[in-house]
N, C-alpha and C. Protein backbone atom coordinates (compact mmCIF):
# COMPACT_ATOMS: atom_id res chain seq x y z
N MET A 1 22.27 19.20 10.40
CA MET A 1 21.00 18.62 10.01
C MET A 1 21.19 17.99 8.62
N LYS A 2 20.77 16.74 8.47
CA LYS A 2 20.95 16.03 7.20
C LYS A 2 19.84 16.37 6.20
N LEU A 3 20.23 16.50 4.94
CA LEU A 3 19.29 16.66 3.85
C LEU A 3 19.16 15.30 3.17
N LEU A 4 17.93 14.76 3.11
CA LEU A 4 17.71 13.41 2.60
C LEU A 4 16.88 13.40 1.33
N HIS A 5 17.17 12.43 0.48
CA HIS A 5 16.29 12.04 -0.63
C HIS A 5 15.74 10.67 -0.22
N ILE A 6 14.42 10.55 -0.12
CA ILE A 6 13.79 9.30 0.30
C ILE A 6 12.87 8.79 -0.80
N ALA A 7 13.07 7.55 -1.20
CA ALA A 7 12.15 6.86 -2.11
C ALA A 7 11.26 5.98 -1.22
N TRP A 8 9.95 6.13 -1.35
CA TRP A 8 9.03 5.44 -0.44
C TRP A 8 7.75 5.02 -1.18
N TYR A 9 7.12 3.98 -0.65
CA TYR A 9 5.88 3.46 -1.23
C TYR A 9 4.69 4.09 -0.53
N ASP A 10 3.77 4.61 -1.33
CA ASP A 10 2.60 5.31 -0.80
C ASP A 10 1.41 4.36 -0.71
N HIS A 11 0.55 4.60 0.26
CA HIS A 11 -0.75 3.93 0.33
C HIS A 11 -1.70 4.70 -0.58
N PHE A 12 -2.59 4.01 -1.24
CA PHE A 12 -3.50 4.71 -2.14
C PHE A 12 -4.81 3.94 -2.29
N SER A 13 -5.79 4.63 -2.80
CA SER A 13 -7.08 4.04 -3.14
C SER A 13 -7.33 4.32 -4.61
N PRO A 14 -8.12 3.46 -5.25
CA PRO A 14 -8.48 3.76 -6.63
C PRO A 14 -9.19 5.11 -6.70
N SER A 15 -8.97 5.85 -7.81
CA SER A 15 -9.60 7.17 -7.93
C SER A 15 -11.12 7.06 -7.92
N ASP A 16 -11.64 5.99 -8.48
CA ASP A 16 -13.08 5.72 -8.42
C ASP A 16 -13.26 4.71 -7.30
N ASN A 17 -13.50 5.18 -6.09
CA ASN A 17 -13.51 4.30 -4.93
C ASN A 17 -14.91 3.76 -4.63
N GLY A 18 -15.70 3.54 -5.69
CA GLY A 18 -17.03 2.94 -5.51
C GLY A 18 -16.93 1.43 -5.39
N TRP A 19 -18.05 0.76 -5.51
CA TRP A 19 -18.10 -0.69 -5.40
C TRP A 19 -17.43 -1.34 -6.60
N ARG A 20 -16.60 -2.36 -6.34
CA ARG A 20 -15.89 -3.09 -7.38
C ARG A 20 -15.86 -4.56 -7.04
N SER A 21 -15.73 -5.39 -8.06
CA SER A 21 -15.56 -6.82 -7.81
C SER A 21 -14.13 -7.05 -7.32
N PHE A 22 -13.92 -8.15 -6.64
CA PHE A 22 -12.57 -8.46 -6.17
C PHE A 22 -11.62 -8.64 -7.35
N LYS A 23 -12.11 -9.19 -8.47
CA LYS A 23 -11.27 -9.37 -9.65
C LYS A 23 -10.79 -8.02 -10.18
N ASP A 24 -11.66 -7.00 -10.15
CA ASP A 24 -11.27 -5.66 -10.63
C ASP A 24 -10.15 -5.05 -9.79
N LEU A 25 -10.03 -5.48 -8.56
CA LEU A 25 -9.00 -4.90 -7.67
C LEU A 25 -7.60 -5.41 -7.99
N ASP A 26 -7.50 -6.44 -8.84
CA ASP A 26 -6.18 -6.97 -9.22
C ASP A 26 -5.30 -5.91 -9.88
N GLU A 27 -5.91 -4.93 -10.54
CA GLU A 27 -5.12 -3.90 -11.21
C GLU A 27 -4.40 -2.97 -10.23
N PHE A 28 -4.73 -3.05 -8.95
CA PHE A 28 -4.13 -2.16 -7.96
C PHE A 28 -3.10 -2.87 -7.09
N THR A 29 -2.38 -3.82 -7.68
CA THR A 29 -1.39 -4.57 -6.91
C THR A 29 0.01 -3.98 -7.01
N THR A 30 0.20 -2.96 -7.83
CA THR A 30 1.50 -2.31 -7.95
C THR A 30 1.51 -1.06 -7.08
N PRO A 31 2.40 -1.01 -6.07
CA PRO A 31 2.43 0.17 -5.20
C PRO A 31 2.96 1.40 -5.93
N LEU A 32 2.61 2.55 -5.42
CA LEU A 32 3.09 3.81 -5.97
C LEU A 32 4.43 4.15 -5.32
N LEU A 33 5.46 4.30 -6.12
CA LEU A 33 6.78 4.68 -5.60
C LEU A 33 6.92 6.20 -5.72
N CYS A 34 7.07 6.85 -4.58
CA CYS A 34 7.18 8.31 -4.51
C CYS A 34 8.59 8.70 -4.08
N GLU A 35 8.94 9.97 -4.29
CA GLU A 35 10.23 10.48 -3.86
C GLU A 35 10.04 11.83 -3.18
N SER A 36 10.77 12.03 -2.09
CA SER A 36 10.71 13.30 -1.35
C SER A 36 12.13 13.70 -0.95
N VAL A 37 12.34 15.01 -0.89
CA VAL A 37 13.61 15.57 -0.41
C VAL A 37 13.29 16.51 0.74
N GLY A 38 14.04 16.39 1.83
CA GLY A 38 13.80 17.27 2.96
C GLY A 38 14.86 17.15 4.04
N TRP A 39 14.81 18.10 4.94
CA TRP A 39 15.72 18.12 6.09
C TRP A 39 15.19 17.17 7.15
N LEU A 40 16.05 16.28 7.65
CA LEU A 40 15.65 15.34 8.69
C LEU A 40 15.59 16.06 10.03
N VAL A 41 14.38 16.11 10.62
CA VAL A 41 14.23 16.79 11.92
C VAL A 41 13.97 15.81 13.06
N LYS A 42 13.54 14.59 12.72
CA LYS A 42 13.32 13.59 13.77
C LYS A 42 13.38 12.21 13.15
N GLU A 43 13.93 11.26 13.91
CA GLU A 43 13.97 9.88 13.47
C GLU A 43 13.72 8.97 14.67
N THR A 44 12.86 7.99 14.48
CA THR A 44 12.58 6.98 15.51
C THR A 44 12.81 5.62 14.86
N PRO A 45 12.69 4.53 15.62
CA PRO A 45 12.82 3.21 14.99
C PRO A 45 11.76 2.94 13.91
N PHE A 46 10.66 3.71 13.91
CA PHE A 46 9.55 3.44 13.01
C PHE A 46 9.39 4.45 11.87
N LEU A 47 9.93 5.67 12.03
CA LEU A 47 9.65 6.70 11.03
C LEU A 47 10.73 7.76 10.98
N ARG A 48 10.64 8.57 9.91
CA ARG A 48 11.47 9.77 9.76
C ARG A 48 10.54 10.95 9.53
N VAL A 49 10.87 12.09 10.10
CA VAL A 49 10.14 13.33 9.84
C VAL A 49 11.10 14.25 9.09
N ILE A 50 10.67 14.67 7.88
CA ILE A 50 11.47 15.60 7.10
C ILE A 50 10.65 16.86 6.87
N VAL A 51 11.35 17.97 6.63
CA VAL A 51 10.68 19.23 6.30
C VAL A 51 11.29 19.77 5.02
N ALA A 52 10.45 20.39 4.18
CA ALA A 52 10.91 20.93 2.91
C ALA A 52 11.63 22.26 3.08
N SER A 53 11.26 23.01 4.10
CA SER A 53 11.88 24.32 4.32
C SER A 53 12.22 24.51 5.80
N ARG A 54 13.29 25.23 6.04
CA ARG A 54 13.67 25.55 7.43
C ARG A 54 14.15 26.99 7.46
N TYR A 55 14.04 27.61 8.65
CA TYR A 55 14.39 29.02 8.78
C TYR A 55 14.92 29.28 10.17
N ALA A 56 16.08 29.86 10.25
CA ALA A 56 16.66 30.32 11.52
C ALA A 56 17.61 31.46 11.17
N PRO A 57 17.16 32.70 11.31
CA PRO A 57 17.98 33.84 10.88
C PRO A 57 19.29 33.98 11.66
N ASP A 58 19.31 33.56 12.92
CA ASP A 58 20.55 33.61 13.70
C ASP A 58 20.41 32.67 14.89
N ASP A 59 21.45 32.60 15.71
CA ASP A 59 21.48 31.66 16.82
C ASP A 59 20.49 32.00 17.93
N ASN A 60 19.93 33.20 17.94
CA ASN A 60 18.99 33.61 18.99
C ASN A 60 17.56 33.15 18.71
N TRP A 61 17.30 32.64 17.51
CA TRP A 61 15.96 32.19 17.13
C TRP A 61 15.84 30.68 17.27
N GLU A 62 14.67 30.23 17.67
CA GLU A 62 14.37 28.81 17.58
C GLU A 62 14.10 28.50 16.11
N PRO A 63 14.71 27.45 15.54
CA PRO A 63 14.48 27.15 14.12
C PRO A 63 13.00 26.88 13.84
N LEU A 64 12.55 27.33 12.68
CA LEU A 64 11.18 27.10 12.23
C LEU A 64 11.22 26.17 11.02
N ALA A 65 10.13 25.41 10.82
CA ALA A 65 10.06 24.48 9.70
C ALA A 65 8.70 24.58 9.03
N ALA A 66 8.68 24.23 7.74
CA ALA A 66 7.42 24.23 6.98
C ALA A 66 7.34 22.98 6.12
N ARG A 67 6.12 22.57 5.83
CA ARG A 67 5.81 21.42 4.98
C ARG A 67 6.45 20.13 5.50
N ALA A 68 6.09 19.78 6.73
CA ALA A 68 6.59 18.55 7.35
C ALA A 68 5.93 17.33 6.73
N MET A 69 6.67 16.23 6.71
CA MET A 69 6.16 14.98 6.18
C MET A 69 6.71 13.83 7.01
N VAL A 70 5.84 12.88 7.32
CA VAL A 70 6.24 11.68 8.05
C VAL A 70 6.33 10.53 7.05
N VAL A 71 7.47 9.84 7.03
CA VAL A 71 7.67 8.70 6.14
C VAL A 71 7.96 7.48 7.01
N LEU A 72 7.12 6.46 6.88
CA LEU A 72 7.32 5.23 7.65
C LEU A 72 8.53 4.47 7.11
N LYS A 73 9.37 3.97 8.00
CA LYS A 73 10.56 3.25 7.57
C LYS A 73 10.20 1.96 6.84
N LYS A 74 9.12 1.30 7.24
CA LYS A 74 8.73 0.05 6.57
C LYS A 74 8.26 0.30 5.14
N ALA A 75 7.89 1.52 4.81
CA ALA A 75 7.46 1.86 3.46
C ALA A 75 8.59 2.49 2.64
N THR A 76 9.79 2.56 3.22
CA THR A 76 10.93 3.21 2.56
C THR A 76 11.71 2.21 1.71
N LYS A 77 11.96 2.60 0.47
CA LYS A 77 12.77 1.76 -0.43
C LYS A 77 14.25 2.13 -0.32
N LYS A 78 14.55 3.46 -0.32
CA LYS A 78 15.95 3.89 -0.30
C LYS A 78 16.06 5.28 0.30
N VAL A 79 17.13 5.50 1.06
CA VAL A 79 17.43 6.82 1.63
C VAL A 79 18.85 7.21 1.20
N THR A 80 18.98 8.43 0.66
CA THR A 80 20.28 8.95 0.25
C THR A 80 20.52 10.27 0.98
N VAL A 81 21.67 10.39 1.61
CA VAL A 81 22.05 11.65 2.25
C VAL A 81 22.66 12.54 1.17
N LEU A 82 22.09 13.73 0.99
CA LEU A 82 22.55 14.66 -0.04
C LEU A 82 23.60 15.60 0.52
N LYS A 83 24.51 16.02 -0.33
CA LYS A 83 25.55 16.98 0.07
C LYS A 83 24.96 18.37 0.08
N THR A 84 25.36 19.15 1.06
CA THR A 84 24.92 20.55 1.14
C THR A 84 26.15 21.45 1.15
N SER A 85 25.96 22.69 0.78
CA SER A 85 27.12 23.61 0.75
C SER A 85 27.30 24.27 2.07
């Protein structure tokens, strides 16, 4: 299972999401660049699913995962495969 570092652009709304003029919305033209690290559990042509934690005490258990996150490939800036011990 690969451990990935993903840099991705997030969708967001202004913190004060009330009525605004179109001119006021110009300040929100810079996307938010986020970073996540997780184990890759699924990949499709459109997205990657990573999990922050995984657990499988031995081969007789089905692996368990926690804190899953879906990252759209079109919103991804960079993916780095991290080395594990």
